[in-house]
Amino acid sequence: MIKRAQTNIDLLMHKSGVLNDKGLSKDLGISQANLSQKLRGSISINTLELLALYFNVSIKDLLR
């Protein structure tokens, strides 16, 4: 499920013109290291909520 969320987030980043984790972390107001760690395996429901809001999708969409 985490792998699927990572793929969906990468697709959403591409669609939104966000080039990398650095740009996304800046937009979200969290450190790049923290975001990278979360996206690569320890993603929490809070992070999923933050990303869903940012990309204007549901958490369910992130996990599909």
Protein backbone atom coordinates (compact mmCIF):
# COMPACT_ATOMS: atom_id res chain seq x y z
CA MET A 1 0.00 0.00 0.00
CA ILE A 2 2.85 2.42 0.80
CA LYS A 3 4.49 1.69 -2.55
CA ARG A 4 1.21 2.50 -4.32
CA ALA A 5 0.91 5.79 -2.40
CA GLN A 6 4.47 6.70 -3.40
CA THR A 7 3.67 6.05 -7.06
CA ASN A 8 0.46 8.10 -6.88
CA ILE A 9 2.25 10.96 -5.13
CA ASP A 10 4.97 10.93 -7.80
CA LEU A 11 2.26 11.09 -10.51
CA LEU A 12 0.48 13.95 -8.73
CA MET A 13 3.77 15.81 -8.34
CA HIS A 14 4.40 15.47 -12.06
CA LYS A 15 0.86 16.61 -12.96
CA SER A 16 1.18 19.59 -10.60
CA GLY A 17 4.57 20.63 -11.92
CA VAL A 18 6.33 19.86 -8.64
CA LEU A 19 9.74 18.71 -9.82
CA ASN A 20 11.11 16.99 -6.72
CA ASP A 21 10.79 16.36 -2.99
CA LYS A 22 12.59 19.63 -2.28
CA GLY A 23 9.89 21.66 -4.03
CA LEU A 24 7.10 19.70 -2.40
CA SER A 25 8.64 20.01 1.07
CA LYS A 26 8.96 23.77 0.60
CA ASP A 27 5.31 24.04 -0.45
CA LEU A 28 4.20 21.90 2.51
CA GLY A 29 6.40 23.74 5.00
CA ILE A 30 8.32 20.69 6.22
CA SER A 31 11.96 19.73 5.85
CA GLN A 32 13.07 17.86 2.77
CA ALA A 33 14.66 15.13 4.91
CA ASN A 34 11.44 14.65 6.87
CA LEU A 35 9.31 14.49 3.74
CA SER A 36 11.69 12.09 1.99
CA GLN A 37 11.67 9.78 4.99
CA LYS A 38 7.87 9.82 5.10
CA LEU A 39 7.50 9.18 1.39
CA ARG A 40 9.97 6.30 1.44
CA GLY A 41 8.37 4.13 4.08
CA SER A 42 7.10 5.68 7.27
CA ILE A 43 4.17 7.67 5.92
CA SER A 44 1.59 8.53 8.57
CA ILE A 45 -2.07 9.35 8.32
CA ASN A 46 -1.19 12.98 9.11
CA THR A 47 1.19 13.10 6.16
CA LEU A 48 -1.40 11.48 3.92
CA GLU A 49 -3.93 14.12 5.00
CA LEU A 50 -1.45 16.91 4.30
CA LEU A 51 -0.64 15.52 0.85
CA ALA A 52 -4.31 14.92 0.02
CA LEU A 53 -5.11 18.53 0.88
CA TYR A 54 -2.15 19.81 -1.11
CA PHE A 55 -3.06 17.84 -4.23
CA ASN A 56 -6.82 18.27 -3.69
CA VAL A 57 -7.50 14.53 -3.70
CA SER A 58 -8.78 12.11 -1.10
CA ILE A 59 -6.54 9.88 1.00
CA LYS A 60 -8.30 7.00 -0.69
CA ASP A 61 -7.07 8.33 -4.06
CA LEU A 62 -3.50 8.41 -2.76
CA LEU A 63 -3.74 4.76 -1.75
CA ARG A 64 -5.46 3.41 -4.89
